[in-house]
Amino acid sequence: MELGSPESFTRLGTLGVEEEFYIVDDTGRPTSGIDDLVYGDDDPPEPLVGRLDHELFQFTIETQTPLIERLDDASEAISSVRDALVEHAENHGYRIAGAGLHPMAKWRELDHAQKDRYRAQLDRIQYPQHRNTTAGFHVHVGVDDADKATWIANELRWYLPPMLALSANSPYWNGFDTGLQSARAKIFEGLPNTGMPTAFEDFEAFQRFERRMVELGSINDRGELWYDVRPHTGHGTVEVRTPDGQSDPEVVFAFVEYVHALVMDLAERYEDGESGTDIRRELLDENKWRAMRYGREASFVDQSSEETVDLATFVDDECDRLGVSGLRDLFDRESGAERQRRIHDDEGVDALCRSVLL
């Protein structure tokens, strides 16, 4: 039984980024490639050695950065891993694409990976996992105490819907326009143990839940608790799993900057003895729905449940409060979902597939 430990939480403020991508051909269409890129005889370029894996389908691939000691080093770490992946793919005749869903990926026509872990998931979960062509990215921030990490994860839930709205980059699924800005988020919620988690009283409560889920056969390991945020009991981090996958590394770094600032702020508030925020999960779910449906145009029910706040106001307030700039820059540019729809309407499907290439 693979379970973590409170002793994993030793350092505050370190970073790690996991990104999921699509393996595609020269036209940008999905193609199976993990046998060459993950299981092939040659090692990938150095930044990826030991940090390259795949996901459920044979056209999905995942990277991890090395441990990032300082925020100032994060942008370079993200870019170097991406550059190495593109080089590795090109050496084998493939390209790499980034989005929350590949717009032309039709899951019934694509091959699943043969790894035992994924075969077991397909057998247990059935249809919701069979169709799961999603890709996101995850930001890990180190926390130096397990109870502190659990409290921070609880508090972070309030900030996740605006993050999803800003990252929304998956309007198309299975070849058609869903009408959503982040169809990935809705499709992924079809799996068990996903979406907004309930708050946990402390780390012991979270670990007890994690252990019980494994013991009862609900999950095979702790990694199958796929909530939007969680204390990662192996890495000693808080892991934010909300954003859609991206082709542009600057978008990823904007979220890394923001999540890091949020965690550091919340860590200080925890140490000052601040009590946790009592928020109904139903309210969080409502705000997440608004994010996935409306993206940049979303407004969110505030914590009083009496008023709403629009995304522009949220972004301005957070950038001023935390001294970050990436979110504002991100808000001022065209969203990923808007860009995909514009290219599809103006230039067609071929151009759309090319537009999500790294």
Protein backbone atom coordinates (compact mmCIF):
# COMPACT_ATOMS: atom_id res chain seq x y z
CA MET A 1 0.00 0.00 0.00
CA GLU A 2 1.60 3.26 -1.15
CA LEU A 3 0.84 5.96 1.39
CA GLY A 4 2.69 9.12 2.30
CA SER A 5 3.83 10.47 5.63
CA PRO A 6 3.69 13.75 7.57
CA GLU A 7 7.49 13.56 7.63
CA SER A 8 7.46 14.40 3.90
CA PHE A 9 6.53 18.01 4.67
CA THR A 10 9.90 19.60 5.40
CA ARG A 11 10.47 22.64 3.17
CA LEU A 12 8.40 25.74 2.45
CA GLY A 13 8.29 27.43 -0.94
CA THR A 14 10.00 24.95 -3.23
CA LEU A 15 8.29 24.29 -6.55
CA GLY A 16 7.61 21.56 -9.05
CA VAL A 17 5.48 21.56 -12.20
CA GLU A 18 3.90 18.59 -13.96
CA GLU A 19 2.51 19.12 -17.45
CA GLU A 20 0.46 16.81 -19.65
CA PHE A 21 0.77 17.07 -23.43
CA TYR A 22 -0.38 15.37 -26.61
CA ILE A 23 1.78 13.45 -29.06
CA VAL A 24 0.75 14.42 -32.59
CA ASP A 25 1.87 13.97 -36.18
CA ASP A 26 3.11 16.67 -38.56
CA THR A 27 -0.46 17.86 -39.15
CA GLY A 28 -1.11 18.22 -35.42
CA ARG A 29 -3.43 15.20 -35.23
CA PRO A 30 -3.18 12.75 -32.31
CA THR A 31 -1.03 9.68 -32.84
CA SER A 32 0.27 6.92 -30.57
CA GLY A 33 3.86 7.60 -29.58
CA ILE A 34 4.64 6.52 -26.04
CA ASP A 35 6.35 3.31 -27.20
CA ASP A 36 9.03 5.47 -28.82
CA LEU A 37 9.13 8.44 -26.45
CA VAL A 38 8.68 6.76 -23.06
CA TYR A 39 9.62 3.12 -23.62
CA GLY A 40 12.13 3.49 -26.46
CA ASP A 41 15.77 2.45 -26.22
CA ASP A 42 17.24 5.96 -26.23
CA ASP A 43 17.05 8.29 -23.24
CA PRO A 44 15.39 11.69 -23.61
CA PRO A 45 17.50 14.87 -23.25
CA GLU A 46 18.87 15.49 -19.77
CA PRO A 47 16.08 17.61 -18.21
CA LEU A 48 13.67 14.74 -18.89
CA VAL A 49 15.73 11.79 -17.68
CA GLY A 50 13.62 10.14 -14.99
CA ARG A 51 10.93 12.80 -15.42
CA LEU A 52 8.98 11.55 -18.43
CA ASP A 53 5.89 9.37 -18.23
CA HIS A 54 2.62 8.88 -20.04
CA GLU A 55 -1.05 9.02 -19.20
CA LEU A 56 -4.07 6.88 -20.05
CA PHE A 57 -3.84 7.10 -23.85
CA GLN A 58 -0.88 6.29 -26.05
CA PHE A 59 -0.91 9.86 -27.37
CA THR A 60 -0.69 11.54 -23.94
CA ILE A 61 2.63 12.23 -22.25
CA GLU A 62 3.62 13.89 -18.98
CA THR A 63 6.71 15.80 -17.89
CA GLN A 64 7.97 16.86 -14.49
CA THR A 65 10.43 19.61 -13.74
CA PRO A 66 13.32 19.02 -11.37
CA LEU A 67 12.89 20.46 -7.88
CA ILE A 68 12.83 24.24 -8.25
CA GLU A 69 14.39 25.99 -5.29
CA ARG A 70 13.32 29.55 -6.10
CA LEU A 71 10.45 31.13 -8.00
CA ASP A 72 13.00 33.06 -10.07
CA ASP A 73 14.19 29.76 -11.54
CA ALA A 74 10.74 28.42 -12.45
CA SER A 75 10.35 29.96 -15.90
CA GLU A 76 13.66 28.56 -17.11
CA ALA A 77 12.90 25.13 -15.63
CA ILE A 78 9.52 24.97 -17.37
CA SER A 79 10.95 26.08 -20.71
CA SER A 80 13.93 23.72 -20.60
CA VAL A 81 11.72 20.70 -19.93
CA ARG A 82 9.37 21.68 -22.75
CA ASP A 83 12.25 22.27 -25.16
CA ALA A 84 13.68 18.86 -24.29
CA LEU A 85 10.31 17.19 -24.91
CA VAL A 86 9.92 18.87 -28.30
CA GLU A 87 13.45 17.82 -29.27
CA HIS A 88 12.86 14.25 -28.11
CA ALA A 89 9.61 14.06 -30.06
CA GLU A 90 11.10 15.53 -33.24
CA ASN A 91 13.96 13.02 -33.09
CA HIS A 92 11.31 10.31 -33.42
CA GLY A 93 9.17 12.03 -36.05
CA TYR A 94 6.51 13.44 -33.73
CA ARG A 95 5.28 16.85 -32.65
CA ILE A 96 3.91 17.95 -29.25
CA ALA A 97 0.66 19.84 -28.63
CA GLY A 98 -0.73 21.52 -25.54
CA ALA A 99 -4.38 22.14 -24.59
CA GLY A 100 -6.91 20.99 -22.02
CA LEU A 101 -8.38 18.70 -24.67
CA HIS A 102 -7.00 18.09 -28.12
CA PRO A 103 -9.75 19.52 -30.35
CA MET A 104 -9.66 16.63 -32.81
CA ALA A 105 -9.01 13.73 -30.41
CA LYS A 106 -11.82 11.19 -30.84
CA TRP A 107 -11.41 8.80 -27.96
CA ARG A 108 -13.08 5.81 -29.62
CA GLU A 109 -10.42 5.92 -32.35
CA LEU A 110 -7.40 6.18 -30.03
CA ASP A 111 -5.44 3.47 -28.22
CA HIS A 112 -5.17 3.19 -24.47
CA ALA A 113 -1.84 2.60 -22.78
CA GLN A 114 -1.11 -0.95 -21.62
CA LYS A 115 0.39 -0.08 -18.23
CA ASP A 116 -1.19 -2.22 -15.50
CA ARG A 117 -2.23 0.84 -13.51
CA TYR A 118 -4.29 2.21 -16.36
CA ARG A 119 -5.74 -1.16 -17.34
CA ALA A 120 -6.97 -1.52 -13.75
CA GLN A 121 -8.52 1.95 -13.85
CA LEU A 122 -10.30 1.20 -17.12
CA ASP A 123 -11.67 -2.02 -15.68
CA ARG A 124 -12.85 -0.37 -12.47
CA ILE A 125 -14.15 2.97 -13.77
CA GLN A 126 -15.30 1.95 -17.25
CA TYR A 127 -16.86 4.58 -19.57
CA PRO A 128 -15.81 7.76 -17.74
CA GLN A 129 -12.16 6.70 -17.90
CA HIS A 130 -12.34 5.25 -21.41
CA ARG A 131 -13.21 8.73 -22.76
CA ASN A 132 -10.71 10.64 -20.60
CA THR A 133 -8.50 12.41 -23.14
CA THR A 134 -7.91 15.36 -20.81
CA ALA A 135 -4.63 17.16 -20.14
CA GLY A 136 -3.82 19.65 -17.42
CA PHE A 137 -0.87 20.93 -15.47
CA HIS A 138 -0.18 20.71 -11.76
CA VAL A 139 1.71 23.14 -9.56
CA HIS A 140 3.41 21.80 -6.43
CA VAL A 141 4.55 24.15 -3.66
CA GLY A 142 6.53 22.76 -0.75
CA VAL A 143 5.10 23.18 2.76
CA ASP A 144 7.08 22.55 5.93
CA ASP A 145 4.32 21.09 8.10
CA ALA A 146 1.62 18.53 7.32
CA ASP A 147 -1.21 20.25 9.22
CA LYS A 148 -0.25 23.55 7.63
CA ALA A 149 -0.38 21.94 4.18
CA THR A 150 -3.85 20.57 4.87
CA TRP A 151 -5.11 23.96 6.06
CA ILE A 152 -3.62 25.67 3.00
CA ALA A 153 -5.25 23.13 0.67
CA ASN A 154 -8.60 23.81 2.34
CA GLU A 155 -8.22 27.56 1.87
CA LEU A 156 -6.99 27.30 -1.71
CA ARG A 157 -10.31 25.86 -2.82
CA TRP A 158 -11.85 29.35 -2.92
CA TYR A 159 -9.30 30.53 -5.49
CA LEU A 160 -9.55 27.56 -7.86
CA PRO A 161 -12.59 28.58 -9.97
CA PRO A 162 -11.00 31.87 -11.08
CA MET A 163 -7.83 29.94 -11.93
CA LEU A 164 -9.87 27.58 -14.07
CA ALA A 165 -11.60 30.49 -15.79
CA LEU A 166 -8.25 32.08 -16.62
CA SER A 167 -6.74 28.83 -17.88
CA ALA A 168 -9.78 27.65 -19.89
CA ASN A 169 -8.35 26.11 -23.05
CA SER A 170 -10.63 23.25 -24.06
CA PRO A 171 -13.77 24.30 -25.96
CA TYR A 172 -13.69 21.29 -28.31
CA TRP A 173 -14.09 17.65 -27.39
CA ASN A 174 -14.38 14.64 -29.66
CA GLY A 175 -14.32 17.00 -32.64
CA PHE A 176 -17.22 19.30 -31.73
CA ASP A 177 -17.71 22.60 -29.93
CA THR A 178 -19.09 21.91 -26.45
CA GLY A 179 -20.21 25.47 -25.74
CA LEU A 180 -17.95 25.39 -22.67
CA GLN A 181 -14.69 27.23 -22.14
CA SER A 182 -13.18 24.29 -20.23
CA ALA A 183 -14.80 21.06 -21.34
CA ARG A 184 -11.81 19.27 -19.84
CA ALA A 185 -12.93 20.19 -16.32
CA LYS A 186 -16.42 18.78 -16.87
CA ILE A 187 -15.20 15.58 -18.52
CA PHE A 188 -12.64 14.97 -15.80
CA GLU A 189 -15.32 15.38 -13.13
CA GLY A 190 -16.95 12.26 -14.56
CA LEU A 191 -14.26 10.24 -12.79
CA PRO A 192 -14.53 9.29 -9.12
CA ASN A 193 -12.58 11.27 -6.52
CA THR A 194 -12.35 14.44 -8.61
CA GLY A 195 -13.53 18.03 -8.37
CA MET A 196 -13.68 20.13 -5.24
CA PRO A 197 -12.73 18.24 -2.09
CA THR A 198 -14.42 18.73 1.23
CA ALA A 199 -12.28 20.50 3.84
CA PHE A 200 -10.23 18.25 6.12
CA GLU A 201 -9.87 19.07 9.80
CA ASP A 202 -6.14 18.32 9.84
CA PHE A 203 -3.55 16.12 8.19
CA GLU A 204 -4.50 13.12 10.27
CA ALA A 205 -8.05 13.35 8.90
CA PHE A 206 -6.77 13.55 5.33
CA GLN A 207 -4.37 10.65 5.80
CA ARG A 208 -7.08 8.57 7.44
CA PHE A 209 -9.33 9.20 4.43
CA GLU A 210 -6.50 8.41 2.01
CA ARG A 211 -5.73 5.16 3.81
CA ARG A 212 -9.37 4.12 4.02
CA MET A 213 -9.91 4.65 0.29
CA VAL A 214 -6.99 2.33 -0.48
CA GLU A 215 -7.98 -0.28 2.09
CA LEU A 216 -11.56 -0.43 0.80
CA GLY A 217 -10.46 -0.83 -2.80
CA SER A 218 -11.85 2.50 -3.99
CA ILE A 219 -8.41 3.49 -5.29
CA ASN A 220 -5.22 1.53 -5.91
CA ASP A 221 -2.87 4.20 -4.57
CA ARG A 222 -2.93 7.75 -3.22
CA GLY A 223 -2.31 9.15 -6.69
CA GLU A 224 -5.88 8.26 -7.64
CA LEU A 225 -7.32 10.95 -5.38
CA TRP A 226 -7.66 13.34 -8.31
CA TYR A 227 -9.13 16.33 -6.50
CA ASP A 228 -8.52 19.87 -7.75
CA VAL A 229 -6.19 20.48 -4.81
CA ARG A 230 -4.62 18.11 -2.32
CA PRO A 231 -1.78 17.78 0.15
CA HIS A 232 0.68 15.53 -1.67
CA THR A 233 1.77 13.12 1.02
CA GLY A 234 4.68 11.80 -1.02
CA HIS A 235 6.28 15.05 -2.17
CA GLY A 236 5.47 17.13 0.91
CA THR A 237 3.67 19.74 -1.15
CA VAL A 238 0.31 21.30 -1.76
CA GLU A 239 -0.66 20.39 -5.31
CA VAL A 240 -3.01 22.56 -7.38
CA ARG A 241 -4.44 20.51 -10.25
CA THR A 242 -7.07 22.88 -11.64
CA PRO A 243 -5.70 24.51 -14.83
CA ASP A 244 -6.18 23.29 -18.38
CA GLY A 245 -3.12 22.22 -20.35
CA GLN A 246 -1.36 24.94 -22.33
CA SER A 247 0.86 25.35 -25.38
CA ASP A 248 2.36 28.65 -24.13
CA PRO A 249 4.85 28.38 -21.24
CA GLU A 250 4.19 31.99 -20.21
CA VAL A 251 0.65 31.01 -19.27
CA VAL A 252 1.97 28.20 -17.10
CA PHE A 253 4.45 30.48 -15.37
CA ALA A 254 1.72 33.03 -14.60
CA PHE A 255 -0.09 30.36 -12.60
CA VAL A 256 3.10 29.14 -10.96
CA GLU A 257 3.81 32.69 -9.80
CA TYR A 258 0.28 33.08 -8.45
CA VAL A 259 0.00 29.69 -6.74
CA HIS A 260 3.40 30.19 -5.10
CA ALA A 261 2.36 33.61 -3.81
CA LEU A 262 -0.95 32.24 -2.55
CA VAL A 263 0.67 29.37 -0.67
CA MET A 264 3.27 31.62 0.92
CA ASP A 265 0.56 34.08 1.98
CA LEU A 266 -1.63 31.33 3.40
CA ALA A 267 1.32 29.78 5.23
CA GLU A 268 1.92 33.09 6.98
CA ARG A 269 -1.76 33.40 7.86
CA TYR A 270 -1.77 29.87 9.28
CA GLU A 271 1.27 30.66 11.41
CA ASP A 272 -0.50 33.79 12.66
CA GLY A 273 -3.33 31.60 13.95
CA GLU A 274 -5.98 32.57 11.42
CA SER A 275 -9.03 30.32 11.49
CA GLY A 276 -10.08 28.52 8.33
CA THR A 277 -12.83 29.77 6.05
CA ASP A 278 -16.12 27.91 6.31
CA ILE A 279 -17.32 27.54 2.71
CA ARG A 280 -20.01 25.16 1.51
CA ARG A 281 -18.82 22.80 -1.17
CA GLU A 282 -21.98 23.55 -3.15
CA LEU A 283 -20.88 27.18 -3.47
CA LEU A 284 -17.45 26.12 -4.65
CA ASP A 285 -19.04 23.77 -7.18
CA GLU A 286 -21.27 26.58 -8.46
CA ASN A 287 -18.28 28.85 -8.97
CA LYS A 288 -16.38 26.09 -10.73
CA TRP A 289 -19.32 25.56 -13.08
CA ARG A 290 -19.37 29.27 -13.86
CA ALA A 291 -15.65 29.09 -14.68
CA MET A 292 -15.90 26.12 -17.01
CA ARG A 293 -18.99 27.50 -18.76
CA TYR A 294 -18.10 31.18 -19.13
CA GLY A 295 -14.32 31.45 -18.75
CA ARG A 296 -13.23 35.09 -18.88
CA GLU A 297 -16.85 36.24 -18.76
CA ALA A 298 -17.54 34.43 -15.50
CA SER A 299 -18.65 36.12 -12.32
CA PHE A 300 -18.37 34.31 -9.01
CA VAL A 301 -20.64 34.13 -5.99
CA ASP A 302 -18.74 35.71 -3.12
CA GLN A 303 -18.26 34.10 0.27
CA SER A 304 -21.30 35.87 1.70
CA SER A 305 -23.47 34.30 -1.03
CA GLU A 306 -25.07 37.73 -1.38
CA GLU A 307 -23.18 39.21 -4.33
CA THR A 308 -21.01 38.27 -7.29
CA VAL A 309 -17.55 39.43 -8.31
CA ASP A 310 -16.39 39.43 -11.92
CA LEU A 311 -13.11 37.89 -12.99
CA ALA A 312 -11.51 41.24 -13.85
CA THR A 313 -12.09 42.52 -10.32
CA PHE A 314 -10.79 39.29 -8.82
CA VAL A 315 -7.61 39.48 -10.90
CA ASP A 316 -6.94 43.12 -10.03
CA ASP A 317 -7.53 42.51 -6.33
CA GLU A 318 -5.29 39.44 -6.20
CA CYS A 319 -2.45 41.03 -8.16
CA ASP A 320 -2.50 44.08 -5.89
CA ARG A 321 -2.83 42.00 -2.72
CA LEU A 322 -0.04 39.54 -3.52
CA GLY A 323 2.25 41.70 -5.64
CA VAL A 324 2.09 39.47 -8.73
CA SER A 325 1.62 40.53 -12.33
CA GLY A 326 1.21 37.38 -14.40
CA LEU A 327 -2.52 36.98 -13.82
CA ARG A 328 -3.24 40.51 -15.02
CA ASP A 329 -1.13 39.97 -18.14
CA LEU A 330 -2.98 36.72 -18.73
CA PHE A 331 -6.40 38.32 -18.33
CA ASP A 332 -5.52 41.08 -20.80
CA ARG A 333 -4.73 38.63 -23.59
CA GLU A 334 -7.04 36.40 -25.62
CA SER A 335 -7.99 33.25 -23.75
CA GLY A 336 -7.03 29.82 -25.00
CA ALA A 337 -10.66 28.87 -25.63
CA GLU A 338 -11.35 32.14 -27.48
CA ARG A 339 -8.24 31.68 -29.58
CA GLN A 340 -9.17 28.14 -30.54
CA ARG A 341 -12.66 29.17 -31.62
CA ARG A 342 -11.38 32.16 -33.59
CA ILE A 343 -8.83 30.07 -35.48
CA HIS A 344 -11.36 27.32 -36.14
CA ASP A 345 -13.93 29.78 -37.50
CA ASP A 346 -11.48 31.89 -39.52
CA GLU A 347 -8.99 29.30 -40.79
CA GLY A 348 -10.47 25.85 -40.26
CA VAL A 349 -9.60 22.62 -38.50
CA ASP A 350 -6.11 22.20 -39.96
CA ALA A 351 -5.05 25.60 -38.66
CA LEU A 352 -6.66 24.84 -35.30
CA CYS A 353 -4.57 21.69 -34.92
CA ARG A 354 -1.41 23.59 -35.83
CA SER A 355 -2.27 26.35 -33.36
CA VAL A 356 -1.89 24.10 -30.30
CA LEU A 357 1.58 22.87 -31.25
CA LEU A 358 4.48 23.75 -28.97
